[in-house]
Amino acid sequence: MLTKFNDKKLFYNISNCQTNKIETCERWEEGKKVKKKLPISVMNYMRHMRGIDISNKFISEYEMDSKTVKWWKRIFLHL
């Protein structure tokens, strides 16, 4: 299922385990809680992927460029 959604910017989501149901949830907009209709796939993405997105952001900002002979040292420095 391909979902195209416009929240603050355009968002595409591809999922193979979601349905096209739409539910309401509360979101903050300009200091107020507003009820919005969101597809279930977008709600699940926002609920579960937040920590992974932050992790990827930090990895790209603080990348370790040390070269090592042992492969496991590079993985350890990455974590």
PDB file of N, CA and C in Angstrom:
ATOM      1  N   MET A   1       0.841  -1.168   0.000  1.00  0.00           N
ATOM      2  CA  MET A   1       0.000   0.000   0.000  1.00  0.00           C
ATOM      3  C   MET A   1       0.888   1.234   0.000  1.00  0.00           C
ATOM      4  N   LEU A   2       0.630   2.149  -0.876  1.00  0.00           N
ATOM      5  CA  LEU A   2       1.344   3.414  -0.953  1.00  0.00           C
ATOM      6  C   LEU A   2       0.444   4.507  -0.395  1.00  0.00           C
ATOM      7  N   THR A   3       0.960   5.245   0.586  1.00  0.00           N
ATOM      8  CA  THR A   3       0.200   6.327   1.199  1.00  0.00           C
ATOM      9  C   THR A   3       0.912   7.635   0.939  1.00  0.00           C
ATOM     10  N   LYS A   4       0.184   8.613   0.436  1.00  0.00           N
ATOM     11  CA  LYS A   4       0.703   9.960   0.234  1.00  0.00           C
ATOM     12  C   LYS A   4      -0.055  10.858   1.202  1.00  0.00           C
ATOM     13  N   PHE A   5       0.677  11.553   2.074  1.00  0.00           N
ATOM     14  CA  PHE A   5       0.046  12.317   3.140  1.00  0.00           C
ATOM     15  C   PHE A   5       0.758  13.653   3.276  1.00  0.00           C
ATOM     16  N   ASN A   6       0.016  14.714   3.488  1.00  0.00           N
ATOM     17  CA  ASN A   6       0.593  16.049   3.643  1.00  0.00           C
ATOM     18  C   ASN A   6       0.276  16.553   5.040  1.00  0.00           C
ATOM     19  N   ASP A   7       1.307  16.593   5.913  1.00  0.00           N
ATOM     20  CA  ASP A   7       1.136  17.109   7.266  1.00  0.00           C
ATOM     21  C   ASP A   7       1.793  18.484   7.317  1.00  0.00           C
ATOM     22  N   LYS A   8       3.067  18.544   7.623  1.00  0.00           N
ATOM     23  CA  LYS A   8       3.818  19.794   7.511  1.00  0.00           C
ATOM     24  C   LYS A   8       4.577  19.825   6.203  1.00  0.00           C
ATOM     25  N   LYS A   9       4.883  18.651   5.691  1.00  0.00           N
ATOM     26  CA  LYS A   9       5.468  18.502   4.372  1.00  0.00           C
ATOM     27  C   LYS A   9       4.945  17.203   3.783  1.00  0.00           C
ATOM     28  N   LEU A  10       5.194  17.011   2.505  1.00  0.00           N
ATOM     29  CA  LEU A  10       4.686  15.835   1.820  1.00  0.00           C
ATOM     30  C   LEU A  10       5.392  14.582   2.323  1.00  0.00           C
ATOM     31  N   PHE A  11       4.625  13.536   2.573  1.00  0.00           N
ATOM     32  CA  PHE A  11       5.128  12.316   3.188  1.00  0.00           C
ATOM     33  C   PHE A  11       4.611  11.123   2.407  1.00  0.00           C
ATOM     34  N   TYR A  12       5.530  10.270   1.940  1.00  0.00           N
ATOM     35  CA  TYR A  12       5.165   9.032   1.261  1.00  0.00           C
ATOM     36  C   TYR A  12       5.509   7.867   2.172  1.00  0.00           C
ATOM     37  N   ASN A  13       4.629   6.885   2.227  1.00  0.00           N
ATOM     38  CA  ASN A  13       4.844   5.706   3.054  1.00  0.00           C
ATOM     39  C   ASN A  13       4.412   4.477   2.266  1.00  0.00           C
ATOM     40  N   ILE A  14       5.301   3.484   2.189  1.00  0.00           N
ATOM     41  CA  ILE A  14       4.974   2.219   1.536  1.00  0.00           C
ATOM     42  C   ILE A  14       4.942   1.140   2.603  1.00  0.00           C
ATOM     43  N   SER A  15       3.863   0.374   2.633  1.00  0.00           N
ATOM     44  CA  SER A  15       3.710  -0.657   3.649  1.00  0.00           C
ATOM     45  C   SER A  15       3.059  -1.890   3.033  1.00  0.00           C
ATOM     46  N   ASN A  16       3.453  -3.062   3.538  1.00  0.00           N
ATOM     47  CA  ASN A  16       2.824  -4.281   3.050  1.00  0.00           C
ATOM     48  C   ASN A  16       1.947  -4.936   4.105  1.00  0.00           C
ATOM     49  N   CYS A  17       1.796  -4.308   5.268  1.00  0.00           N
ATOM     50  CA  CYS A  17       0.999  -4.947   6.321  1.00  0.00           C
ATOM     51  C   CYS A  17      -0.067  -4.011   6.898  1.00  0.00           C
ATOM     52  N   GLN A  18      -0.405  -2.963   6.201  1.00  0.00           N
ATOM     53  CA  GLN A  18      -1.405  -2.018   6.710  1.00  0.00           C
ATOM     54  C   GLN A  18      -2.638  -2.020   5.809  1.00  0.00           C
ATOM     55  N   THR A  19      -3.717  -1.539   6.358  1.00  0.00           N
ATOM     56  CA  THR A  19      -4.932  -1.365   5.574  1.00  0.00           C
ATOM     57  C   THR A  19      -5.101   0.123   5.296  1.00  0.00           C
ATOM     58  N   ASN A  20      -6.103   0.468   4.528  1.00  0.00           N
ATOM     59  CA  ASN A  20      -6.313   1.873   4.192  1.00  0.00           C
ATOM     60  C   ASN A  20      -7.332   2.546   5.105  1.00  0.00           C
ATOM     61  N   LYS A  21      -7.466   2.061   6.332  1.00  0.00           N
ATOM     62  CA  LYS A  21      -8.382   2.690   7.292  1.00  0.00           C
ATOM     63  C   LYS A  21      -7.833   4.053   7.708  1.00  0.00           C
ATOM     64  N   ILE A  22      -8.750   4.940   8.056  1.00  0.00           N
ATOM     65  CA  ILE A  22      -8.380   6.274   8.521  1.00  0.00           C
ATOM     66  C   ILE A  22      -8.954   6.455   9.913  1.00  0.00           C
ATOM     67  N   GLU A  23      -8.109   6.896  10.837  1.00  0.00           N
ATOM     68  CA  GLU A  23      -8.532   7.143  12.212  1.00  0.00           C
ATOM     69  C   GLU A  23      -8.174   8.566  12.602  1.00  0.00           C
ATOM     70  N   THR A  24      -8.781   9.037  13.678  1.00  0.00           N
ATOM     71  CA  THR A  24      -8.472  10.381  14.157  1.00  0.00           C
ATOM     72  C   THR A  24      -7.486  10.291  15.318  1.00  0.00           C
ATOM     73  N   CYS A  25      -6.637  11.290  15.409  1.00  0.00           N
ATOM     74  CA  CYS A  25      -5.711  11.387  16.536  1.00  0.00           C
ATOM     75  C   CYS A  25      -5.511  12.868  16.845  1.00  0.00           C
ATOM     76  N   GLU A  26      -5.008  13.140  18.031  1.00  0.00           N
ATOM     77  CA  GLU A  26      -4.760  14.518  18.435  1.00  0.00           C
ATOM     78  C   GLU A  26      -3.321  14.886  18.124  1.00  0.00           C
ATOM     79  N   ARG A  27      -3.129  16.035  17.475  1.00  0.00           N
ATOM     80  CA  ARG A  27      -1.809  16.532  17.115  1.00  0.00           C
ATOM     81  C   ARG A  27      -1.704  17.981  17.571  1.00  0.00           C
ATOM     82  N   TRP A  28      -0.482  18.412  17.860  1.00  0.00           N
ATOM     83  CA  TRP A  28      -0.244  19.802  18.259  1.00  0.00           C
ATOM     84  C   TRP A  28      -0.019  20.645  17.013  1.00  0.00           C
ATOM     85  N   GLU A  29      -0.770  21.733  16.887  1.00  0.00           N
ATOM     86  CA  GLU A  29      -0.574  22.699  15.815  1.00  0.00           C
ATOM     87  C   GLU A  29      -0.727  24.089  16.401  1.00  0.00           C
ATOM     88  N   GLU A  30       0.333  24.864  16.317  1.00  0.00           N
ATOM     89  CA  GLU A  30       0.348  26.250  16.784  1.00  0.00           C
ATOM     90  C   GLU A  30      -0.109  26.370  18.236  1.00  0.00           C
ATOM     91  N   GLY A  31       0.356  25.469  19.086  1.00  0.00           N
ATOM     92  CA  GLY A  31       0.076  25.524  20.510  1.00  0.00           C
ATOM     93  C   GLY A  31      -1.274  24.969  20.931  1.00  0.00           C
ATOM     94  N   LYS A  32      -2.020  24.391  20.024  1.00  0.00           N
ATOM     95  CA  LYS A  32      -3.332  23.840  20.347  1.00  0.00           C
ATOM     96  C   LYS A  32      -3.392  22.389  19.896  1.00  0.00           C
ATOM     97  N   LYS A  33      -4.156  21.585  20.611  1.00  0.00           N
ATOM     98  CA  LYS A  33      -4.402  20.212  20.180  1.00  0.00           C
ATOM     99  C   LYS A  33      -5.541  20.220  19.163  1.00  0.00           C
ATOM    100  N   VAL A  34      -5.264  19.600  18.036  1.00  0.00           N
ATOM    101  CA  VAL A  34      -6.237  19.543  16.956  1.00  0.00           C
ATOM    102  C   VAL A  34      -6.458  18.081  16.587  1.00  0.00           C
ATOM    103  N   LYS A  35      -7.699  17.702  16.355  1.00  0.00           N
ATOM    104  CA  LYS A  35      -7.991  16.347  15.906  1.00  0.00           C
ATOM    105  C   LYS A  35      -7.802  16.290  14.399  1.00  0.00           C
ATOM    106  N   LYS A  36      -6.983  15.324  13.954  1.00  0.00           N
ATOM    107  CA  LYS A  36      -6.718  15.149  12.531  1.00  0.00           C
ATOM    108  C   LYS A  36      -7.028  13.723  12.130  1.00  0.00           C
ATOM    109  N   LYS A  37      -7.406  13.549  10.889  1.00  0.00           N
ATOM    110  CA  LYS A  37      -7.634  12.218  10.347  1.00  0.00           C
ATOM    111  C   LYS A  37      -6.346  11.757   9.681  1.00  0.00           C
ATOM    112  N   LEU A  38      -5.839  10.603  10.125  1.00  0.00           N
ATOM    113  CA  LEU A  38      -4.599  10.051   9.592  1.00  0.00           C
ATOM    114  C   LEU A  38      -4.820   8.600   9.186  1.00  0.00           C
ATOM    115  N   PRO A  39      -4.165   8.155   8.110  1.00  0.00           N
ATOM    116  CA  PRO A  39      -4.181   6.731   7.793  1.00  0.00           C
ATOM    117  C   PRO A  39      -3.443   5.942   8.868  1.00  0.00           C
ATOM    118  N   ILE A  40      -3.826   4.712   9.070  1.00  0.00           N
ATOM    119  CA  ILE A  40      -3.211   3.886  10.109  1.00  0.00           C
ATOM    120  C   ILE A  40      -1.722   3.699   9.850  1.00  0.00           C
ATOM    121  N   SER A  41      -1.326   3.566   8.591  1.00  0.00           N
ATOM    122  CA  SER A  41       0.089   3.370   8.286  1.00  0.00           C
ATOM    123  C   SER A  41       0.918   4.581   8.708  1.00  0.00           C
ATOM    124  N   VAL A  42       0.400   5.780   8.549  1.00  0.00           N
ATOM    125  CA  VAL A  42       1.112   6.994   8.968  1.00  0.00           C
ATOM    126  C   VAL A  42       1.175   7.066  10.493  1.00  0.00           C
ATOM    127  N   MET A  43       0.087   6.709  11.154  1.00  0.00           N
ATOM    128  CA  MET A  43       0.088   6.726  12.626  1.00  0.00           C
ATOM    129  C   MET A  43       1.114   5.742  13.178  1.00  0.00           C
ATOM    130  N   ASN A  44       1.184   4.545  12.607  1.00  0.00           N
ATOM    131  CA  ASN A  44       2.160   3.559  13.067  1.00  0.00           C
ATOM    132  C   ASN A  44       3.582   4.018  12.798  1.00  0.00           C
ATOM    133  N   TYR A  45       3.814   4.640  11.651  1.00  0.00           N
ATOM    134  CA  TYR A  45       5.151   5.158  11.352  1.00  0.00           C
ATOM    135  C   TYR A  45       5.555   6.206  12.380  1.00  0.00           C
ATOM    136  N   MET A  46       4.678   7.151  12.651  1.00  0.00           N
ATOM    137  CA  MET A  46       4.998   8.221  13.599  1.00  0.00           C
ATOM    138  C   MET A  46       5.200   7.674  15.013  1.00  0.00           C
ATOM    139  N   ARG A  47       4.491   6.636  15.369  1.00  0.00           N
ATOM    140  CA  ARG A  47       4.590   6.061  16.699  1.00  0.00           C
ATOM    141  C   ARG A  47       5.879   5.273  16.882  1.00  0.00           C
ATOM    142  N   HIS A  48       6.295   4.501  15.876  1.00  0.00           N
ATOM    143  CA  HIS A  48       7.391   3.554  16.049  1.00  0.00           C
ATOM    144  C   HIS A  48       8.733   4.007  15.468  1.00  0.00           C
ATOM    145  N   MET A  49       8.762   4.919  14.515  1.00  0.00           N
ATOM    146  CA  MET A  49      10.005   5.244  13.832  1.00  0.00           C
ATOM    147  C   MET A  49      10.716   6.478  14.387  1.00  0.00           C
ATOM    148  N   ARG A  50      10.159   7.134  15.349  1.00  0.00           N
ATOM    149  CA  ARG A  50      10.756   8.363  15.870  1.00  0.00           C
ATOM    150  C   ARG A  50      12.159   8.127  16.419  1.00  0.00           C
ATOM    151  N   GLY A  51      12.357   7.085  17.193  1.00  0.00           N
ATOM    152  CA  GLY A  51      13.671   6.798  17.765  1.00  0.00           C
ATOM    153  C   GLY A  51      14.690   6.418  16.712  1.00  0.00           C
ATOM    154  N   ILE A  52      14.283   5.718  15.686  1.00  0.00           N
ATOM    155  CA  ILE A  52      15.199   5.319  14.625  1.00  0.00           C
ATOM    156  C   ILE A  52      15.619   6.532  13.814  1.00  0.00           C
ATOM    157  N   ASP A  53      14.699   7.439  13.530  1.00  0.00           N
ATOM    158  CA  ASP A  53      15.057   8.646  12.788  1.00  0.00           C
ATOM    159  C   ASP A  53      16.063   9.482  13.560  1.00  0.00           C
ATOM    160  N   ILE A  54      15.886   9.614  14.872  1.00  0.00           N
ATOM    161  CA  ILE A  54      16.815  10.381  15.696  1.00  0.00           C
ATOM    162  C   ILE A  54      18.174   9.693  15.725  1.00  0.00           C
ATOM    163  N   SER A  55      18.185   8.376  15.816  1.00  0.00           N
ATOM    164  CA  SER A  55      19.440   7.622  15.816  1.00  0.00           C
ATOM    165  C   SER A  55      20.193   7.829  14.506  1.00  0.00           C
ATOM    166  N   ASN A  56      19.509   7.750  13.379  1.00  0.00           N
ATOM    167  CA  ASN A  56      20.149   7.965  12.083  1.00  0.00           C
ATOM    168  C   ASN A  56      20.685   9.387  11.957  1.00  0.00           C
ATOM    169  N   LYS A  57      19.981  10.347  12.514  1.00  0.00           N
ATOM    170  CA  LYS A  57      20.445  11.738  12.476  1.00  0.00           C
ATOM    171  C   LYS A  57      21.750  11.885  13.244  1.00  0.00           C
ATOM    172  N   PHE A  58      21.822  11.304  14.448  1.00  0.00           N
ATOM    173  CA  PHE A  58      23.042  11.404  15.248  1.00  0.00           C
ATOM    174  C   PHE A  58      24.207  10.660  14.609  1.00  0.00           C
ATOM    175  N   ILE A  59      23.934   9.514  13.994  1.00  0.00           N
ATOM    176  CA  ILE A  59      24.992   8.754  13.343  1.00  0.00           C
ATOM    177  C   ILE A  59      25.592   9.558  12.200  1.00  0.00           C
ATOM    178  N   SER A  60      24.752  10.247  11.433  1.00  0.00           N
ATOM    179  CA  SER A  60      25.283  11.032  10.316  1.00  0.00           C
ATOM    180  C   SER A  60      26.028  12.273  10.797  1.00  0.00           C
ATOM    181  N   GLU A  61      25.622  12.861  11.925  1.00  0.00           N
ATOM    182  CA  GLU A  61      26.298  14.057  12.427  1.00  0.00           C
ATOM    183  C   GLU A  61      27.618  13.734  13.118  1.00  0.00           C
ATOM    184  N   TYR A  62      27.681  12.641  13.861  1.00  0.00           N
ATOM    185  CA  TYR A  62      28.862  12.289  14.651  1.00  0.00           C
ATOM    186  C   TYR A  62      29.494  11.006  14.133  1.00  0.00           C
ATOM    187  N   GLU A  63      29.765  10.986  12.840  1.00  0.00           N
ATOM    188  CA  GLU A  63      30.306   9.777  12.230  1.00  0.00           C
ATOM    189  C   GLU A  63      31.766   9.586  12.629  1.00  0.00           C
ATOM    190  N   MET A  64      32.095   8.358  12.961  1.00  0.00           N
ATOM    191  CA  MET A  64      33.470   8.010  13.330  1.00  0.00           C
ATOM    192  C   MET A  64      34.214   7.598  12.061  1.00  0.00           C
ATOM    193  N   ASP A  65      35.274   8.303  11.734  1.00  0.00           N
ATOM    194  CA  ASP A  65      36.039   7.992  10.531  1.00  0.00           C
ATOM    195  C   ASP A  65      37.335   7.269  10.852  1.00  0.00           C
ATOM    196  N   SER A  66      37.383   6.597  11.968  1.00  0.00           N
ATOM    197  CA  SER A  66      38.606   5.878  12.310  1.00  0.00           C
ATOM    198  C   SER A  66      38.664   4.573  11.535  1.00  0.00           C
ATOM    199  N   LYS A  67      39.828   4.291  10.968  1.00  0.00           N
ATOM    200  CA  LYS A  67      40.010   3.057  10.210  1.00  0.00           C
ATOM    201  C   LYS A  67      40.641   2.023  11.117  1.00  0.00           C
ATOM    202  N   THR A  68      40.091   0.837  11.103  1.00  0.00           N
ATOM    203  CA  THR A  68      40.616  -0.244  11.927  1.00  0.00           C
ATOM    204  C   THR A  68      40.824  -1.490  11.079  1.00  0.00           C
ATOM    205  N   VAL A  69      41.692  -2.353  11.542  1.00  0.00           N
ATOM    206  CA  VAL A  69      41.947  -3.611  10.852  1.00  0.00           C
ATOM    207  C   VAL A  69      40.851  -4.622  11.195  1.00  0.00           C
ATOM    208  N   LYS A  70      40.414  -4.620  12.421  1.00  0.00           N
ATOM    209  CA  LYS A  70      39.397  -5.571  12.866  1.00  0.00           C
ATOM    210  C   LYS A  70      38.002  -5.032  12.534  1.00  0.00           C
ATOM    211  N   TRP A  71      37.179  -5.845  11.918  1.00  0.00           N
ATOM    212  CA  TRP A  71      35.848  -5.414  11.510  1.00  0.00           C
ATOM    213  C   TRP A  71      34.955  -5.141  12.702  1.00  0.00           C
ATOM    214  N   TRP A  72      35.119  -5.864  13.798  1.00  0.00           N
ATOM    215  CA  TRP A  72      34.237  -5.699  14.946  1.00  0.00           C
ATOM    216  C   TRP A  72      34.508  -4.388  15.682  1.00  0.00           C
ATOM    217  N   LYS A  73      35.721  -3.832  15.556  1.00  0.00           N
ATOM    218  CA  LYS A  73      35.992  -2.544  16.191  1.00  0.00           C
ATOM    219  C   LYS A  73      35.207  -1.417  15.523  1.00  0.00           C
ATOM    220  N   ARG A  74      35.084  -1.491  14.209  1.00  0.00           N
ATOM    221  CA  ARG A  74      34.313  -0.480  13.474  1.00  0.00           C
ATOM    222  C   ARG A  74      32.837  -0.518  13.894  1.00  0.00           C
ATOM    223  N   ILE A  75      32.293  -1.724  14.054  1.00  0.00           N
ATOM    224  CA  ILE A  75      30.895  -1.858  14.509  1.00  0.00           C
ATOM    225  C   ILE A  75      30.756  -1.314  15.934  1.00  0.00           C
ATOM    226  N   PHE A  76      31.702  -1.605  16.798  1.00  0.00           N
ATOM    227  CA  PHE A  76      31.652  -1.107  18.175  1.00  0.00           C
ATOM    228  C   PHE A  76      31.693   0.422  18.200  1.00  0.00           C
ATOM    229  N   LEU A  77      32.552   1.036  17.402  1.00  0.00           N
ATOM    230  CA  LEU A  77      32.637   2.494  17.358  1.00  0.00           C
ATOM    231  C   LEU A  77      31.362   3.108  16.765  1.00  0.00           C
ATOM    232  N   HIS A  78      30.725   2.387  15.858  1.00  0.00           N
ATOM    233  CA  HIS A  78      29.479   2.859  15.279  1.00  0.00           C
ATOM    234  C   HIS A  78      28.358   2.902  16.310  1.00  0.00           C
ATOM    235  N   LEU A  79      28.324   1.922  17.192  1.00  0.00           N
ATOM    236  CA  LEU A  79      27.275   1.864  18.208  1.00  0.00           C
ATOM    237  C   LEU A  79      27.521   2.900  19.277  1.00  0.00           C
TER     238      LEU A  79
END
